[in-house]
Amino acid sequence: MKKLGDDHTAHQKNNTSRVHKTALRLPPDLHAEIQAEAERNGHSMNTEILLRLRAGAPGQLPAELTEIKEMLQRVLDKIA
């Protein structure tokens, strides 16, 4: 099964010449949180940070999760 972020990781590996490298200062607690989440999800901290940035503001779902939520709602509507 494809994991969230797999598309980004493959895209990033194929397009390294179009990536801008940036230094980022993080408080130690946030760094630890991101690192732990990245390890749980089986990807790099860079991918975890990009997924969080692309997800938008807190409370918003990434596009992939929004699509899954909509598909589940359609299934529930059919069986109700």
C-alpha atoms as a PDB file:
ATOM      1  CA  MET A   1       0.000   0.000   0.000  1.00  0.00           C
ATOM      2  CA  LYS A   2       1.266   3.447  -0.899  1.00  0.00           C
ATOM      3  CA  LYS A   3       2.040   5.662   2.085  1.00  0.00           C
ATOM      4  CA  LEU A   4       1.193   9.318   2.379  1.00  0.00           C
ATOM      5  CA  GLY A   5       4.172  11.213   1.073  1.00  0.00           C
ATOM      6  CA  ASP A   6       5.386   8.493  -1.326  1.00  0.00           C
ATOM      7  CA  ASP A   7       4.498  10.615  -4.358  1.00  0.00           C
ATOM      8  CA  HIS A   8       6.396  13.544  -2.934  1.00  0.00           C
ATOM      9  CA  THR A   9       9.468  11.435  -2.132  1.00  0.00           C
ATOM     10  CA  ALA A  10       9.612   9.965  -5.645  1.00  0.00           C
ATOM     11  CA  HIS A  11       9.032  13.390  -7.177  1.00  0.00           C
ATOM     12  CA  GLN A  12      11.735  14.936  -5.003  1.00  0.00           C
ATOM     13  CA  LYS A  13      14.310  12.274  -5.949  1.00  0.00           C
ATOM     14  CA  ASN A  14      13.668  12.895  -9.639  1.00  0.00           C
ATOM     15  CA  ASN A  15      13.742  16.689  -9.396  1.00  0.00           C
ATOM     16  CA  THR A  16      16.631  17.536  -7.086  1.00  0.00           C
ATOM     17  CA  SER A  17      17.897  20.170  -9.507  1.00  0.00           C
ATOM     18  CA  ARG A  18      14.648  22.113  -8.972  1.00  0.00           C
ATOM     19  CA  VAL A  19      14.740  22.030  -5.172  1.00  0.00           C
ATOM     20  CA  HIS A  20      15.782  25.043  -3.114  1.00  0.00           C
ATOM     21  CA  LYS A  21      17.791  24.161  -0.044  1.00  0.00           C
ATOM     22  CA  THR A  22      16.912  26.120   3.073  1.00  0.00           C
ATOM     23  CA  ALA A  23      18.074  26.132   6.690  1.00  0.00           C
ATOM     24  CA  LEU A  24      15.309  26.012   9.257  1.00  0.00           C
ATOM     25  CA  ARG A  25      15.545  26.819  12.960  1.00  0.00           C
ATOM     26  CA  LEU A  26      13.201  24.760  15.129  1.00  0.00           C
ATOM     27  CA  PRO A  27      12.655  24.708  18.872  1.00  0.00           C
ATOM     28  CA  PRO A  28      13.963  21.413  20.313  1.00  0.00           C
ATOM     29  CA  ASP A  29      10.487  20.137  21.216  1.00  0.00           C
ATOM     30  CA  LEU A  30       9.116  20.731  17.705  1.00  0.00           C
ATOM     31  CA  HIS A  31      12.204  19.135  16.149  1.00  0.00           C
ATOM     32  CA  ALA A  32      11.715  16.048  18.336  1.00  0.00           C
ATOM     33  CA  GLU A  33       8.006  15.887  17.458  1.00  0.00           C
ATOM     34  CA  ILE A  34       8.669  16.089  13.714  1.00  0.00           C
ATOM     35  CA  GLN A  35      11.515  13.581  13.923  1.00  0.00           C
ATOM     36  CA  ALA A  36       9.394  11.080  15.875  1.00  0.00           C
ATOM     37  CA  GLU A  37       6.450  11.451  13.483  1.00  0.00           C
ATOM     38  CA  ALA A  38       8.726  11.018  10.463  1.00  0.00           C
ATOM     39  CA  GLU A  39      10.146   7.827  11.961  1.00  0.00           C
ATOM     40  CA  ARG A  40       6.641   6.501  12.727  1.00  0.00           C
ATOM     41  CA  ASN A  41       5.600   7.219   9.141  1.00  0.00           C
ATOM     42  CA  GLY A  42       8.778   5.747   7.664  1.00  0.00           C
ATOM     43  CA  HIS A  43      10.035   8.834   5.890  1.00  0.00           C
ATOM     44  CA  SER A  44      12.535  11.649   6.340  1.00  0.00           C
ATOM     45  CA  MET A  45      12.111  14.771   8.420  1.00  0.00           C
ATOM     46  CA  ASN A  46      12.193  16.760   5.190  1.00  0.00           C
ATOM     47  CA  THR A  47       9.203  14.827   3.835  1.00  0.00           C
ATOM     48  CA  GLU A  48       7.372  15.197   7.158  1.00  0.00           C
ATOM     49  CA  ILE A  49       7.900  18.972   7.138  1.00  0.00           C
ATOM     50  CA  LEU A  50       6.758  19.242   3.505  1.00  0.00           C
ATOM     51  CA  LEU A  51       3.643  17.182   4.206  1.00  0.00           C
ATOM     52  CA  ARG A  52       2.801  19.424   7.130  1.00  0.00           C
ATOM     53  CA  LEU A  53       3.342  22.564   5.076  1.00  0.00           C
ATOM     54  CA  ARG A  54       1.218  21.241   2.236  1.00  0.00           C
ATOM     55  CA  ALA A  55      -1.520  20.193   4.644  1.00  0.00           C
ATOM     56  CA  GLY A  56      -2.080  23.856   5.480  1.00  0.00           C
ATOM     57  CA  ALA A  57      -3.298  25.299   8.726  1.00  0.00           C
ATOM     58  CA  PRO A  58      -4.020  23.062  11.721  1.00  0.00           C
ATOM     59  CA  GLY A  59      -7.367  21.355  11.323  1.00  0.00           C
ATOM     60  CA  GLN A  60      -7.104  21.096   7.549  1.00  0.00           C
ATOM     61  CA  LEU A  61      -6.633  17.694   5.969  1.00  0.00           C
ATOM     62  CA  PRO A  62      -4.070  16.995   3.260  1.00  0.00           C
ATOM     63  CA  ALA A  63      -5.674  16.505  -0.168  1.00  0.00           C
ATOM     64  CA  GLU A  64      -5.178  12.717  -0.004  1.00  0.00           C
ATOM     65  CA  LEU A  65      -7.043  12.480   3.292  1.00  0.00           C
ATOM     66  CA  THR A  66      -9.801  14.758   2.064  1.00  0.00           C
ATOM     67  CA  GLU A  67     -10.335  12.441  -0.924  1.00  0.00           C
ATOM     68  CA  ILE A  68     -10.456   9.394   1.347  1.00  0.00           C
ATOM     69  CA  LYS A  69     -12.931  11.133   3.652  1.00  0.00           C
ATOM     70  CA  GLU A  70     -15.168  11.955   0.669  1.00  0.00           C
ATOM     71  CA  MET A  71     -14.989   8.376  -0.635  1.00  0.00           C
ATOM     72  CA  LEU A  72     -15.898   6.990   2.792  1.00  0.00           C
ATOM     73  CA  GLN A  73     -18.819   9.404   3.031  1.00  0.00           C
ATOM     74  CA  ARG A  74     -20.136   8.216  -0.359  1.00  0.00           C
ATOM     75  CA  VAL A  75     -19.926   4.600   0.823  1.00  0.00           C
ATOM     76  CA  LEU A  76     -21.740   5.462   4.045  1.00  0.00           C
ATOM     77  CA  ASP A  77     -24.414   7.338   2.082  1.00  0.00           C
ATOM     78  CA  LYS A  78     -25.006   4.259  -0.107  1.00  0.00           C
ATOM     79  CA  ILE A  79     -25.412   1.861   2.785  1.00  0.00           C
ATOM     80  CA  ALA A  80     -27.556   4.174   4.909  1.00  0.00           C
END
